[in-house]
Amino acid sequence: MTDKQQPQALDRADARVRHDDSLMGALRDFIDRLRSGDLGMLPVIVGLVLISVVFSLLNPVFLAPNNLVNLLFDCATVGVISLGIVCVLMLGEIDLSVGSMSGLASAMIGVLWVNAGVSLPLAPIAALATGAMIGAVYAPLFNRLGMPSFISTLSGLLAILGLQLYILGPTGSINLPFASPLVGFGQLWILPAWVSYLLGLLPGAVMVWVGLSVMKQRRAAGLSAQPLGRLMLKAAALTLGLEFALWYLHLGRGVPVMFALFVVLAVVLNYGLTRTQWGRSMFAVGGNREAARRSGINVRKIYLSAFMLCSTLAALGGILSAARLASSSQQAGTGDVNLNAIAAAVIGGTSLFGGRGSAWSAVLGIIVIQAISNGLTLLNLSSSLRYMITGGVLAIAVIVDSLARQSRVSHGRG
């Protein structure tokens, strides 16, 4: 039987609905989604391009390979913390103590490893376990007592900061051995070029494999599937873009191992949010808590998992920060760490209203924030400008999110 003789797909039976599998049809569908408020990550991508163009015109060093490598090193520490923020924001909650938690984890590395002589693998494990336990405290305060997460985590911020200052003692700072693997991981380790290029092929290959699997399932159910040519075009464009970026970075030092870890964590979290029952429950609870409870979802466990994951990732970010700075100090986790982690998730596209978000929000958002910081540093401008510009970008992101949400509601897309 030829393709023309095959029965019509069930979802194409209604002649009143427009169906167009051509490239122009795909473009029209994309424009329709934008008009209905489904912006995805387009705003942050456009913003990142504009930031790159402006700073490269003002100082060509901004796009130099080695400068981009340093930018990626700096992205990893706060970016890991922002991954945890994505989880709590998706539920419509907040964790204001992630900065202090990262500072406490950094302090524990110095105290346990350097001062107390605890072995290197055990000290980070203890810091991560502490983060998980603190997250496990926030969840019952919310679930059982109804304490707003804003209040409980604000209290945690102050208590954890006090504990950090206490364990560091009067010296206030502990230097980590520069020749240690931990510091090398945070400052020196770079992926071999062949490993980078090989990893760059994986996203396109996974896209094709998943796409073919979905096409097979839809056709078996009598539904239409996207054209094979469109799938291959997307995979080819993604692969070529990644391979070019990797080639350009290897004109300098190359891809930092620490940033690669950050990306791996984002991939794992993205899989958990999009391909598992836990992830579907996260979206459901964030969209409508009561409806999720009535549908049989254990809402309390979802909140517990989100707060524990957020605090654990904050502790991991503190460990990476200690490795990056080769020290544990009273300043770790203070300053703008807390705000940058939250801002990165929001700027990247995670909704403050809950129910919408992605692990890639943290990746793109922290790159935007670090790009602004790096560009202003190259221009030798005051750090006050960085705060003002970052605040302006955050305000724009929240306005766009609010307008997109109103547009989705008006178009019946929630």
Protein backbone atom coordinates (compact mmCIF):
# COMPACT_ATOMS: atom_id res chain seq x y z
CA MET A 1 0.00 0.00 0.00
CA THR A 2 1.43 3.41 -0.96
CA ASP A 3 1.53 6.47 1.28
CA LYS A 4 -1.41 8.01 -0.63
CA GLN A 5 -3.54 4.96 0.09
CA GLN A 6 -2.85 4.94 3.82
CA PRO A 7 -5.81 5.87 6.05
CA GLN A 8 -5.95 9.43 7.27
CA ALA A 9 -4.54 10.09 10.75
CA LEU A 10 -7.18 10.49 13.43
CA ASP A 11 -5.98 13.97 14.43
CA ARG A 12 -6.12 15.11 10.79
CA ALA A 13 -9.72 14.07 10.12
CA ASP A 14 -11.25 17.49 10.89
CA ALA A 15 -11.00 19.52 7.67
CA ARG A 16 -11.72 22.75 9.57
CA VAL A 17 -8.33 22.57 11.33
CA ARG A 18 -5.31 23.75 9.34
CA HIS A 19 -2.50 21.22 8.98
CA ASP A 20 0.74 22.18 7.28
CA ASP A 21 3.91 20.09 7.61
CA SER A 22 6.06 22.41 5.50
CA LEU A 23 8.72 24.72 6.90
CA MET A 24 6.41 27.69 6.41
CA GLY A 25 3.76 25.81 8.35
CA ALA A 26 6.20 25.21 11.20
CA LEU A 27 7.06 28.92 11.18
CA ARG A 28 3.36 29.87 11.34
CA ASP A 29 2.82 27.47 14.24
CA PHE A 30 5.78 29.02 16.06
CA ILE A 31 4.36 32.53 15.58
CA ASP A 32 0.95 31.36 16.79
CA ARG A 33 2.53 29.97 19.96
CA LEU A 34 4.29 33.26 20.59
CA ARG A 35 1.06 35.20 20.16
CA SER A 36 -0.68 32.92 22.64
CA GLY A 37 1.99 33.61 25.29
CA ASP A 38 4.02 30.41 24.91
CA LEU A 39 7.37 32.22 24.70
CA GLY A 40 9.55 29.42 26.04
CA MET A 41 13.19 30.51 26.28
CA LEU A 42 13.08 32.89 23.32
CA PRO A 43 13.28 36.12 25.42
CA VAL A 44 16.42 35.03 27.29
CA ILE A 45 18.10 33.79 24.09
CA VAL A 46 17.39 37.11 22.37
CA GLY A 47 18.66 38.96 25.44
CA LEU A 48 21.86 36.91 25.54
CA VAL A 49 22.53 37.64 21.86
CA LEU A 50 22.00 41.37 22.40
CA ILE A 51 24.28 41.40 25.46
CA SER A 52 27.00 39.58 23.53
CA VAL A 53 26.76 41.95 20.57
CA VAL A 54 26.87 45.10 22.72
CA PHE A 55 29.81 44.02 24.89
CA SER A 56 31.79 42.64 21.94
CA LEU A 57 31.41 45.98 20.14
CA LEU A 58 32.55 47.86 23.24
CA ASN A 59 35.42 45.44 23.93
CA PRO A 60 36.33 42.66 21.46
CA VAL A 61 37.99 40.70 24.27
CA PHE A 62 34.52 39.77 25.53
CA LEU A 63 34.11 37.07 22.87
CA ALA A 64 37.73 35.89 23.06
CA PRO A 65 37.86 32.10 23.68
CA ASN A 66 39.76 32.29 26.97
CA ASN A 67 37.41 34.96 28.33
CA LEU A 68 34.43 32.75 27.53
CA VAL A 69 36.15 29.84 29.29
CA ASN A 70 36.56 31.96 32.44
CA LEU A 71 32.90 32.96 32.15
CA LEU A 72 31.88 29.29 32.08
CA PHE A 73 33.98 28.58 35.18
CA ASP A 74 32.12 31.36 37.01
CA CYS A 75 28.72 30.16 35.77
CA ALA A 76 29.00 26.71 37.31
CA THR A 77 29.04 27.66 41.01
CA VAL A 78 25.92 29.83 41.15
CA GLY A 79 24.32 27.91 38.28
CA VAL A 80 24.17 24.71 40.33
CA ILE A 81 22.41 26.63 43.12
CA SER A 82 19.97 28.04 40.58
CA LEU A 83 18.98 24.52 39.50
CA GLY A 84 17.59 23.98 42.99
CA ILE A 85 15.79 27.32 42.88
CA VAL A 86 14.01 26.17 39.71
CA CYS A 87 12.50 23.27 41.67
CA VAL A 88 10.97 25.40 44.42
CA LEU A 89 9.86 28.16 42.05
CA MET A 90 7.98 25.59 39.98
CA LEU A 91 5.88 24.93 43.08
CA GLY A 92 5.24 28.63 43.53
CA GLU A 93 7.53 28.79 46.59
CA ILE A 94 10.95 30.29 47.32
CA ASP A 95 14.11 29.46 49.25
CA LEU A 96 15.96 32.54 50.48
CA SER A 97 18.60 30.57 52.36
CA VAL A 98 20.44 29.02 49.40
CA GLY A 99 23.25 31.57 49.62
CA SER A 100 23.82 30.89 53.31
CA MET A 101 23.57 27.14 52.69
CA SER A 102 26.30 27.35 50.06
CA GLY A 103 28.44 29.37 52.47
CA LEU A 104 27.95 26.80 55.23
CA ALA A 105 28.93 23.98 52.86
CA SER A 106 32.04 25.90 51.85
CA ALA A 107 32.93 26.43 55.51
CA MET A 108 32.42 22.73 56.26
CA ILE A 109 34.90 21.80 53.53
CA GLY A 110 37.58 23.96 55.12
CA VAL A 111 36.87 22.95 58.72
CA LEU A 112 36.44 19.21 58.14
CA TRP A 113 39.03 18.66 55.43
CA VAL A 114 41.80 21.13 56.29
CA ASN A 115 41.43 21.59 60.06
CA ALA A 116 39.97 18.27 61.21
CA GLY A 117 41.76 16.05 58.68
CA VAL A 118 38.61 14.36 57.35
CA SER A 119 39.27 12.73 53.99
CA LEU A 120 38.29 14.66 50.87
CA PRO A 121 35.40 12.42 49.76
CA LEU A 122 33.82 12.41 53.23
CA ALA A 123 33.89 16.18 53.78
CA PRO A 124 31.80 17.01 50.67
CA ILE A 125 29.41 14.15 51.50
CA ALA A 126 28.91 15.61 54.99
CA ALA A 127 28.22 19.04 53.47
CA LEU A 128 25.69 17.61 51.01
CA ALA A 129 23.98 15.61 53.79
CA THR A 130 23.70 18.79 55.87
CA GLY A 131 22.04 20.54 52.95
CA ALA A 132 19.54 17.71 52.53
CA MET A 133 18.68 17.76 56.24
CA ILE A 134 18.09 21.51 56.25
CA GLY A 135 15.77 21.13 53.25
CA ALA A 136 13.97 18.36 55.12
CA VAL A 137 13.30 20.85 57.95
CA TYR A 138 11.71 23.45 55.67
CA ALA A 139 9.18 21.02 54.18
CA PRO A 140 7.38 20.10 57.47
CA LEU A 141 7.26 23.77 58.44
CA PHE A 142 5.34 24.36 55.22
CA ASN A 143 3.35 21.12 55.06
CA ARG A 144 2.43 20.70 58.73
CA LEU A 145 2.45 24.21 60.19
CA GLY A 146 1.55 26.20 57.09
CA MET A 147 4.53 28.52 57.55
CA PRO A 148 5.15 30.47 54.32
CA SER A 149 8.39 29.41 52.65
CA PHE A 150 9.43 33.07 52.52
CA ILE A 151 9.44 33.22 56.33
CA SER A 152 10.91 29.79 57.07
CA THR A 153 13.78 30.16 54.61
CA LEU A 154 14.46 33.73 55.72
CA SER A 155 14.80 32.41 59.27
CA GLY A 156 17.02 29.67 57.90
CA LEU A 157 19.17 32.23 56.13
CA LEU A 158 20.00 33.96 59.41
CA ALA A 159 20.47 30.73 61.40
CA ILE A 160 22.70 29.11 58.78
CA LEU A 161 24.77 32.27 58.39
CA GLY A 162 25.34 32.31 62.14
CA LEU A 163 26.39 28.65 62.06
CA GLN A 164 28.81 29.39 59.22
CA LEU A 165 30.47 32.20 61.19
CA TYR A 166 30.60 30.02 64.30
CA ILE A 167 32.38 27.02 62.77
CA LEU A 168 34.91 29.21 60.94
CA GLY A 169 35.90 30.83 64.22
CA PRO A 170 37.82 34.08 64.71
CA THR A 171 40.16 33.49 61.74
CA GLY A 172 37.23 33.75 59.34
CA SER A 173 39.03 32.10 56.45
CA ILE A 174 40.67 28.75 55.65
CA ASN A 175 42.88 28.28 52.60
CA LEU A 176 42.52 25.01 50.70
CA PRO A 177 45.60 23.18 49.37
CA PHE A 178 46.15 24.54 45.88
CA ALA A 179 47.60 21.27 44.60
CA SER A 180 44.57 19.27 45.72
CA PRO A 181 42.19 17.63 43.21
CA LEU A 182 39.30 19.73 44.52
CA VAL A 183 41.00 23.04 43.72
CA GLY A 184 42.24 21.66 40.42
CA PHE A 185 38.66 20.73 39.57
CA GLY A 186 37.50 24.27 40.33
CA GLN A 187 40.29 26.17 38.59
CA LEU A 188 42.27 24.06 36.14
CA TRP A 189 40.61 20.91 34.86
CA ILE A 190 39.57 21.07 31.19
CA LEU A 191 37.86 18.40 29.09
CA PRO A 192 40.07 16.90 26.33
CA ALA A 193 39.04 18.19 22.92
CA TRP A 194 38.00 14.77 21.61
CA VAL A 195 35.75 14.22 24.64
CA SER A 196 34.10 17.60 24.11
CA TYR A 197 33.42 16.92 20.44
CA LEU A 198 32.06 13.47 21.23
CA LEU A 199 29.73 14.84 23.91
CA GLY A 200 28.61 17.52 21.46
CA LEU A 201 27.21 14.79 19.20
CA LEU A 202 25.01 13.30 21.93
CA PRO A 203 22.17 15.90 22.06
CA GLY A 204 21.50 15.60 18.32
CA ALA A 205 21.66 11.82 18.45
CA VAL A 206 19.28 11.71 21.43
CA MET A 207 16.91 14.10 19.65
CA VAL A 208 16.77 11.81 16.61
CA TRP A 209 16.33 8.67 18.73
CA VAL A 210 13.54 10.18 20.84
CA GLY A 211 11.90 11.72 17.79
CA LEU A 212 11.85 8.44 15.89
CA SER A 213 10.44 6.66 18.93
CA VAL A 214 7.64 9.22 19.28
CA MET A 215 6.89 9.03 15.55
CA LYS A 216 6.58 5.23 15.76
CA GLN A 217 4.27 5.41 18.78
CA ARG A 218 2.02 8.06 17.22
CA ARG A 219 1.71 6.21 13.93
CA ALA A 220 0.91 2.98 15.76
CA ALA A 221 -1.92 4.86 17.50
CA GLY A 222 -3.22 6.20 14.20
CA LEU A 223 -2.00 9.75 14.83
CA SER A 224 0.08 12.05 12.68
CA ALA A 225 3.80 12.58 13.34
CA GLN A 226 6.22 15.32 12.46
CA PRO A 227 8.00 14.85 9.13
CA LEU A 228 11.30 13.02 9.29
CA GLY A 229 13.01 15.81 7.37
CA ARG A 230 12.07 18.40 9.98
CA LEU A 231 13.40 16.18 12.76
CA MET A 232 16.71 15.64 10.97
CA LEU A 233 17.01 19.36 10.21
CA LYS A 234 16.57 20.25 13.89
CA ALA A 235 19.12 17.64 14.98
CA ALA A 236 21.63 18.77 12.37
CA ALA A 237 21.27 22.44 13.34
CA LEU A 238 21.70 21.60 17.03
CA THR A 239 24.76 19.44 16.39
CA LEU A 240 26.45 21.96 14.12
CA GLY A 241 25.83 24.77 16.62
CA LEU A 242 27.25 22.79 19.54
CA GLU A 243 30.28 21.55 17.60
CA PHE A 244 31.09 25.09 16.45
CA ALA A 245 30.82 26.41 20.02
CA LEU A 246 33.10 23.64 21.30
CA TRP A 247 35.62 24.25 18.51
CA TYR A 248 35.69 27.94 19.35
CA LEU A 249 36.19 27.29 23.07
CA HIS A 250 39.08 24.94 22.30
CA LEU A 251 40.82 27.76 20.47
CA GLY A 252 41.44 28.84 24.06
CA ARG A 253 41.70 26.57 27.09
CA GLY A 254 38.62 24.48 26.28
CA VAL A 255 35.52 23.40 28.18
CA PRO A 256 35.87 23.43 32.01
CA VAL A 257 35.10 20.13 33.69
CA MET A 258 33.18 22.03 36.37
CA PHE A 259 30.88 23.56 33.76
CA ALA A 260 30.43 20.13 32.20
CA LEU A 261 29.26 18.87 35.61
CA PHE A 262 26.78 21.75 35.75
CA VAL A 263 25.39 20.82 32.33
CA VAL A 264 25.16 17.13 33.31
CA LEU A 265 23.16 18.07 36.41
CA ALA A 266 20.88 20.21 34.24
CA VAL A 267 20.36 17.26 31.86
CA VAL A 268 19.53 14.93 34.76
CA LEU A 269 17.11 17.44 36.31
CA ASN A 270 15.50 18.13 32.93
CA TYR A 271 14.98 14.38 32.44
CA GLY A 272 13.47 14.10 35.90
CA LEU A 273 11.08 16.99 35.26
CA THR A 274 9.98 15.94 31.77
CA ARG A 275 10.21 12.14 31.71
CA THR A 276 9.30 10.89 35.18
CA GLN A 277 6.20 10.71 37.35
CA TRP A 278 7.93 12.94 39.90
CA GLY A 279 8.41 15.64 37.27
CA ARG A 280 4.80 15.47 36.12
CA SER A 281 3.74 15.74 39.75
CA MET A 282 5.94 18.82 40.18
CA PHE A 283 4.19 20.58 37.29
CA ALA A 284 0.78 19.47 38.56
CA VAL A 285 1.35 20.73 42.11
CA GLY A 286 2.81 23.99 40.85
CA GLY A 287 -0.14 24.52 38.52
CA ASN A 288 -2.88 23.75 41.04
CA ARG A 289 -2.05 22.25 44.41
CA GLU A 290 -5.59 21.29 45.35
CA ALA A 291 -6.32 19.69 41.99
CA ALA A 292 -3.08 17.70 42.27
CA ARG A 293 -4.05 16.50 45.75
CA ARG A 294 -7.50 15.43 44.56
CA SER A 295 -5.94 13.50 41.67
CA GLY A 296 -3.99 11.32 44.13
CA ILE A 297 -0.58 13.05 44.14
CA ASN A 298 1.20 13.06 47.49
CA VAL A 299 1.64 16.83 47.63
CA ARG A 300 3.62 16.79 50.87
CA LYS A 301 6.24 14.45 49.42
CA ILE A 302 6.57 16.67 46.36
CA TYR A 303 7.27 19.70 48.55
CA LEU A 304 9.70 17.67 50.64
CA SER A 305 11.63 16.52 47.56
CA ALA A 306 11.78 20.06 46.13
CA PHE A 307 13.10 21.69 49.31
CA MET A 308 15.61 18.90 49.94
CA LEU A 309 16.85 19.03 46.36
CA CYS A 310 17.15 22.80 46.50
CA SER A 311 19.23 22.81 49.71
CA THR A 312 21.39 19.92 48.53
CA LEU A 313 22.21 21.68 45.26
CA ALA A 314 22.95 24.85 47.23
CA ALA A 315 25.44 22.87 49.31
CA LEU A 316 27.01 21.50 46.12
CA GLY A 317 27.29 25.04 44.80
CA GLY A 318 29.13 26.01 47.99
CA ILE A 319 31.57 23.12 47.52
CA LEU A 320 32.24 24.23 43.94
CA SER A 321 32.68 27.82 45.13
CA ALA A 322 35.29 26.71 47.67
CA ALA A 323 37.08 24.83 44.90
CA ARG A 324 36.93 27.85 42.61
CA LEU A 325 38.27 30.28 45.22
CA ALA A 326 40.62 27.77 46.92
CA SER A 327 39.34 28.95 50.29
CA SER A 328 36.49 28.79 52.78
CA SER A 329 35.64 32.18 54.23
CA GLN A 330 32.95 34.17 55.99
CA GLN A 331 32.19 35.93 52.69
CA ALA A 332 31.26 32.68 50.94
CA GLY A 333 27.57 32.60 50.05
CA THR A 334 27.01 36.23 51.04
CA GLY A 335 26.69 39.28 48.82
CA ASP A 336 24.78 38.65 45.61
CA VAL A 337 25.00 34.84 45.51
CA ASN A 338 21.47 34.41 46.83
CA LEU A 339 19.92 36.99 44.53
CA ASN A 340 21.87 35.85 41.45
CA ALA A 341 20.72 32.26 41.92
CA ILE A 342 17.08 33.32 42.12
CA ALA A 343 17.45 35.87 39.33
CA ALA A 344 19.07 33.30 37.03
CA ALA A 345 16.08 30.96 37.31
CA VAL A 346 13.58 33.77 36.70
CA ILE A 347 15.52 35.41 33.87
CA GLY A 348 15.92 31.99 32.26
CA GLY A 349 12.14 31.57 32.05
CA THR A 350 10.97 29.85 35.25
CA SER A 351 7.65 31.37 36.28
CA LEU A 352 7.26 32.99 39.68
CA PHE A 353 3.62 31.87 39.60
CA GLY A 354 4.54 28.17 39.63
CA GLY A 355 3.74 25.37 37.22
CA ARG A 356 6.21 26.41 34.50
CA GLY A 357 9.97 26.04 34.38
CA SER A 358 12.91 24.08 33.07
CA ALA A 359 16.39 23.08 34.17
CA TRP A 360 17.69 24.95 31.14
CA SER A 361 16.25 28.13 32.66
CA ALA A 362 19.06 28.06 35.20
CA VAL A 363 21.71 27.44 32.53
CA LEU A 364 20.65 30.30 30.26
CA GLY A 365 19.83 32.64 33.13
CA ILE A 366 23.19 32.32 34.86
CA ILE A 367 25.02 32.77 31.55
CA VAL A 368 23.13 36.06 31.07
CA ILE A 369 24.01 37.28 34.57
CA GLN A 370 27.67 36.28 34.32
CA ALA A 371 27.89 37.80 30.83
CA ILE A 372 26.72 41.14 32.22
CA SER A 373 29.19 40.92 35.11
CA ASN A 374 32.06 39.85 32.88
CA GLY A 375 31.36 42.53 30.27
CA LEU A 376 31.22 45.34 32.81
CA THR A 377 34.44 44.10 34.41
CA LEU A 378 36.21 44.21 31.04
CA LEU A 379 34.97 47.77 30.57
CA ASN A 380 36.34 48.63 34.03
CA LEU A 381 32.96 49.98 35.16
CA SER A 382 31.66 50.13 38.69
CA SER A 383 30.00 47.10 40.22
CA SER A 384 27.03 49.34 41.03
CA LEU A 385 26.14 49.29 37.33
CA ARG A 386 26.12 45.49 37.39
CA TYR A 387 23.53 45.48 40.17
CA MET A 388 21.38 48.04 38.39
CA ILE A 389 21.55 46.30 35.00
CA THR A 390 20.90 42.86 36.51
CA GLY A 391 17.96 44.29 38.44
CA GLY A 392 16.58 45.83 35.26
CA VAL A 393 16.92 42.55 33.36
CA LEU A 394 15.18 40.72 36.22
CA ALA A 395 12.33 43.25 36.21
CA ILE A 396 11.91 42.83 32.45
CA ALA A 397 11.89 39.04 32.84
CA VAL A 398 9.13 39.20 35.47
CA ILE A 399 7.07 41.62 33.34
CA VAL A 400 7.42 39.34 30.29
CA ASP A 401 6.43 36.32 32.40
CA SER A 402 3.37 38.14 33.76
CA LEU A 403 2.26 39.33 30.31
CA ALA A 404 2.83 35.88 28.80
CA ARG A 405 0.76 34.33 31.59
CA GLN A 406 -2.11 36.75 30.91
CA SER A 407 -1.89 35.97 27.19
CA ARG A 408 -1.99 32.21 27.84
CA VAL A 409 -5.07 32.64 30.02
CA SER A 410 -6.84 34.77 27.41
CA HIS A 411 -6.08 32.13 24.76
CA GLY A 412 -7.30 29.31 27.01
CA ARG A 413 -3.84 27.79 27.49
CA GLY A 414 -3.57 28.31 31.26
